[in-house]
């Protein structure tokens, strides 16, 4: 259990890191905050802000030598581009609406998690110098599934993303990335509200239908 002295040390270290954080990092974090707030309201503009945040994060992770996290963010980038294209209203067609995942989509989600986890764990163990391969692999696999559901506008994306966030927060603290840990904590809280906001939207559309 962390004592009062440990908390004080953590706050002091956080303060030092925040004051020394480059402007580019703040821009990336700000874009990430805007992205999740837009996602909460089911707004397609979440994707351009998300892509900007990912590009900055890739640069930050490369500087830090965190190559496993780079792989996850490259996946985020691909899924964000795919999701943006999937969400965009096509000529003569209705925009994709938020909904619950079908049985098939839930099976795909579970497949992403339970096939992605061992595959990523194996890659981290054998091809990187990761000191937390299982922890890192679990965060990534659940995030992969959540991003796939988000791209499909399925409400369950918030559940998977928050499972990932719950494990990512202590992982980021362990690695000394306190600013990103705070961002992830913020995303965790907003995701809770996002779930209920999407639920309200889905229920309203059902009544209108």
Protein backbone atom coordinates (compact mmCIF):
# COMPACT_ATOMS: atom_id res chain seq x y z
CA UNK A 1 0.00 0.00 0.00
CA UNK A 2 1.32 3.43 -0.96
CA UNK A 3 1.95 5.68 2.04
CA UNK A 4 1.60 9.44 2.34
CA UNK A 5 5.27 9.92 1.46
CA UNK A 6 4.81 7.88 -1.71
CA UNK A 7 1.84 10.01 -2.75
CA UNK A 8 3.81 13.21 -2.13
CA UNK A 9 6.71 11.89 -4.21
CA UNK A 10 4.34 10.94 -7.02
CA UNK A 11 2.73 14.40 -7.02
CA UNK A 12 6.16 16.05 -7.03
CA UNK A 13 7.32 13.87 -9.93
CA UNK A 14 4.09 14.60 -11.81
CA UNK A 15 4.56 18.34 -11.32
CA UNK A 16 8.13 18.18 -12.64
CA UNK A 17 7.03 16.17 -15.66
CA UNK A 18 4.18 18.55 -16.47
CA UNK A 19 6.42 21.62 -16.34
CA UNK A 20 8.99 19.94 -18.59
CA UNK A 21 6.50 18.51 -21.09
CA UNK A 22 7.09 19.90 -24.62
CA UNK A 23 4.30 21.84 -26.34
CA UNK A 24 3.89 19.10 -28.95
CA UNK A 25 2.97 16.63 -26.20
CA UNK A 26 0.32 18.99 -24.87
CA UNK A 27 -1.12 19.36 -28.38
CA UNK A 28 -1.32 15.58 -28.71
CA UNK A 29 -3.02 15.22 -25.33
CA UNK A 30 -5.46 18.06 -26.13
CA UNK A 31 -6.43 16.39 -29.40
CA UNK A 32 -6.97 13.14 -27.50
CA UNK A 33 -9.28 14.87 -25.02
CA UNK A 34 -11.28 16.51 -27.81
CA UNK A 35 -11.51 13.16 -29.59
CA UNK A 36 -13.09 11.34 -26.66
CA UNK A 37 -15.50 14.20 -25.94
CA UNK A 38 -16.65 14.08 -29.57
CA UNK A 39 -16.93 10.29 -29.39
CA UNK A 40 -19.13 10.66 -26.31
CA UNK A 41 -21.59 12.73 -28.34
CA UNK A 42 -21.39 10.36 -31.34
CA UNK A 43 -19.75 13.04 -33.54
CA UNK A 44 -17.76 11.92 -36.60
CA UNK A 45 -15.25 14.76 -36.05
CA UNK A 46 -13.71 12.59 -33.37
CA UNK A 47 -11.63 10.94 -36.10
CA UNK A 48 -9.56 13.90 -37.43
CA UNK A 49 -8.72 14.91 -33.85
CA UNK A 50 -7.98 11.29 -32.99
CA UNK A 51 -5.65 10.91 -35.97
CA UNK A 52 -3.79 14.09 -34.99
CA UNK A 53 -3.39 12.77 -31.43
CA UNK A 54 -2.13 9.41 -32.69
CA UNK A 55 0.48 10.99 -34.97
CA UNK A 56 1.86 13.05 -32.08
CA UNK A 57 1.79 10.00 -29.79
CA UNK A 58 3.72 7.95 -32.35
CA UNK A 59 6.43 10.59 -32.34
CA UNK A 60 6.52 10.66 -28.52
CA UNK A 61 6.67 6.85 -28.24
CA UNK A 62 9.44 6.63 -30.83
CA UNK A 63 11.50 9.15 -28.86
CA UNK A 64 10.91 7.10 -25.71
CA UNK A 65 11.75 3.82 -27.46
CA UNK A 66 8.39 2.26 -26.54
CA UNK A 67 8.06 0.18 -29.68
CA UNK A 68 5.26 -2.11 -28.47
CA UNK A 69 3.02 0.91 -27.87
CA UNK A 70 3.91 2.16 -31.34
CA UNK A 71 2.38 -1.02 -32.79
CA UNK A 72 -0.86 -0.39 -30.90
CA UNK A 73 -1.03 3.22 -32.04
CA UNK A 74 -0.41 2.21 -35.65
CA UNK A 75 -3.46 -0.03 -35.27
CA UNK A 76 -5.36 2.96 -33.83
CA UNK A 77 -4.34 4.96 -36.88
CA UNK A 78 -5.54 2.31 -39.34
CA UNK A 79 -8.83 1.81 -37.48
CA UNK A 80 -9.37 5.57 -37.22
CA UNK A 81 -8.98 6.01 -40.97
CA UNK A 82 -11.28 3.03 -41.55
CA UNK A 83 -13.79 4.28 -38.99
CA UNK A 84 -13.82 7.79 -40.47
CA UNK A 85 -14.54 6.38 -43.93
CA UNK A 86 -17.19 4.03 -42.48
CA UNK A 87 -18.95 6.82 -40.60
CA UNK A 88 -19.01 9.35 -43.44
CA UNK A 89 -22.42 9.80 -45.00
CA UNK A 90 -22.40 8.42 -48.53
CA UNK A 91 -24.56 9.82 -51.33
CA UNK A 92 -28.16 8.69 -50.96
CA UNK A 93 -27.46 6.71 -47.77
CA UNK A 94 -28.13 7.33 -44.10
CA UNK A 95 -25.14 7.77 -41.76
CA UNK A 96 -24.26 4.76 -39.65
CA UNK A 97 -26.17 4.89 -36.36
CA UNK A 98 -25.05 3.82 -32.90
CA UNK A 99 -26.38 0.40 -31.96
CA UNK A 100 -25.77 -2.72 -29.89
CA UNK A 101 -23.41 -5.36 -31.30
CA UNK A 102 -24.94 -8.43 -32.89
CA UNK A 103 -24.04 -11.95 -31.76
CA UNK A 104 -21.62 -12.23 -34.71
CA UNK A 105 -19.96 -8.92 -33.84
CA UNK A 106 -19.57 -10.02 -30.20
CA UNK A 107 -17.87 -13.21 -31.34
CA UNK A 108 -15.52 -11.17 -33.53
CA UNK A 109 -14.77 -8.94 -30.54
CA UNK A 110 -13.91 -11.92 -28.35
CA UNK A 111 -11.76 -13.34 -31.16
CA UNK A 112 -9.80 -10.10 -31.40
CA UNK A 113 -9.13 -10.19 -27.65
CA UNK A 114 -8.33 -13.87 -27.15
CA UNK A 115 -6.39 -14.37 -30.37
CA UNK A 116 -4.70 -10.98 -30.28
CA UNK A 117 -3.51 -11.33 -26.68
CA UNK A 118 -1.36 -14.48 -27.11
CA UNK A 119 -0.12 -13.36 -30.53
CA UNK A 120 0.99 -9.97 -29.22
CA UNK A 121 2.42 -11.50 -26.05
CA UNK A 122 4.53 -13.89 -28.15
CA UNK A 123 5.76 -11.01 -30.32
CA UNK A 124 6.67 -8.89 -27.30
CA UNK A 125 8.53 -11.75 -25.62
CA UNK A 126 10.49 -12.87 -28.68
CA UNK A 127 10.99 -9.69 -30.69
CA UNK A 128 11.21 -6.84 -28.16
CA UNK A 129 12.86 -6.11 -24.83
CA UNK A 130 9.50 -5.43 -23.14
CA UNK A 131 9.63 -5.88 -19.37
CA UNK A 132 5.82 -6.24 -19.09
CA UNK A 133 4.78 -8.35 -22.12
CA UNK A 134 1.61 -9.88 -20.63
CA UNK A 135 0.40 -6.58 -19.17
CA UNK A 136 1.17 -4.70 -22.38
CA UNK A 137 -0.40 -7.40 -24.57
CA UNK A 138 -3.66 -7.39 -22.58
CA UNK A 139 -3.97 -3.60 -22.77
CA UNK A 140 -3.40 -3.73 -26.50
CA UNK A 141 -5.71 -6.66 -27.28
CA UNK A 142 -8.68 -5.18 -25.42
CA UNK A 143 -8.03 -1.79 -27.01
CA UNK A 144 -7.95 -3.40 -30.47
CA UNK A 145 -11.38 -4.90 -29.85
CA UNK A 146 -12.73 -1.60 -28.53
CA UNK A 147 -11.49 0.36 -31.53
CA UNK A 148 -13.09 -2.15 -33.91
CA UNK A 149 -16.42 -1.73 -32.11
CA UNK A 150 -16.05 2.06 -32.14
CA UNK A 151 -15.48 2.00 -35.90
CA UNK A 152 -18.72 0.04 -36.23
CA UNK A 153 -20.53 2.47 -33.89
CA UNK A 154 -21.33 -0.28 -31.39
CA UNK A 155 -22.05 0.81 -27.81
CA UNK A 156 -19.97 -2.05 -26.39
CA UNK A 157 -16.83 -0.21 -27.56
CA UNK A 158 -16.93 1.79 -24.31
CA UNK A 159 -16.80 -1.40 -22.24
CA UNK A 160 -13.77 -2.83 -24.07
CA UNK A 161 -11.94 0.50 -24.15
CA UNK A 162 -12.44 0.94 -20.42
CA UNK A 163 -11.17 -2.55 -19.69
CA UNK A 164 -8.05 -1.51 -21.59
CA UNK A 165 -7.91 1.86 -19.80
CA UNK A 166 -8.22 0.24 -16.36
CA UNK A 167 -5.07 -1.79 -17.01
CA UNK A 168 -3.28 0.96 -18.96
CA UNK A 169 -3.39 3.56 -16.17
CA UNK A 170 -1.16 1.64 -13.70
CA UNK A 171 1.01 0.47 -16.61
CA UNK A 172 1.69 4.07 -17.68
CA UNK A 173 2.41 5.08 -14.08
CA UNK A 174 4.80 2.14 -13.77
CA UNK A 175 6.63 3.37 -16.89
CA UNK A 176 6.80 6.92 -15.56
CA UNK A 177 4.44 8.38 -18.19
CA UNK A 178 2.31 10.26 -15.69
CA UNK A 179 0.84 12.77 -18.13
CA UNK A 180 -0.47 9.98 -20.33
CA UNK A 181 -1.71 8.14 -17.23
CA UNK A 182 -3.77 11.21 -16.32
CA UNK A 183 -5.10 11.41 -19.87
CA UNK A 184 -6.08 7.74 -19.73
CA UNK A 185 -7.82 8.29 -16.38
CA UNK A 186 -9.76 11.14 -17.98
CA UNK A 187 -10.67 8.90 -20.92
CA UNK A 188 -11.81 6.23 -18.47
CA UNK A 189 -14.20 8.64 -16.75
CA UNK A 190 -15.54 10.08 -20.00
CA UNK A 191 -16.05 6.59 -21.41
CA UNK A 192 -18.45 5.82 -18.56
CA UNK A 193 -20.55 8.84 -19.49
CA UNK A 194 -20.12 7.97 -23.18
CA UNK A 195 -21.70 4.57 -22.67
CA UNK A 196 -24.82 6.05 -21.07
CA UNK A 197 -24.99 8.84 -23.66
CA UNK A 198 -24.92 6.32 -26.51
CA UNK A 199 -27.53 4.24 -24.68
CA UNK A 200 -29.77 7.30 -24.49
CA UNK A 201 -29.26 7.98 -28.22
CA UNK A 202 -30.09 4.38 -29.15
CA UNK A 203 -33.22 4.35 -26.99
CA UNK A 204 -34.39 7.69 -28.41
CA UNK A 205 -33.94 6.47 -31.99
CA UNK A 206 -35.88 3.30 -31.17
CA UNK A 207 -38.78 5.36 -29.82
CA UNK A 208 -38.74 7.64 -32.89
CA UNK A 209 -38.71 4.59 -35.17
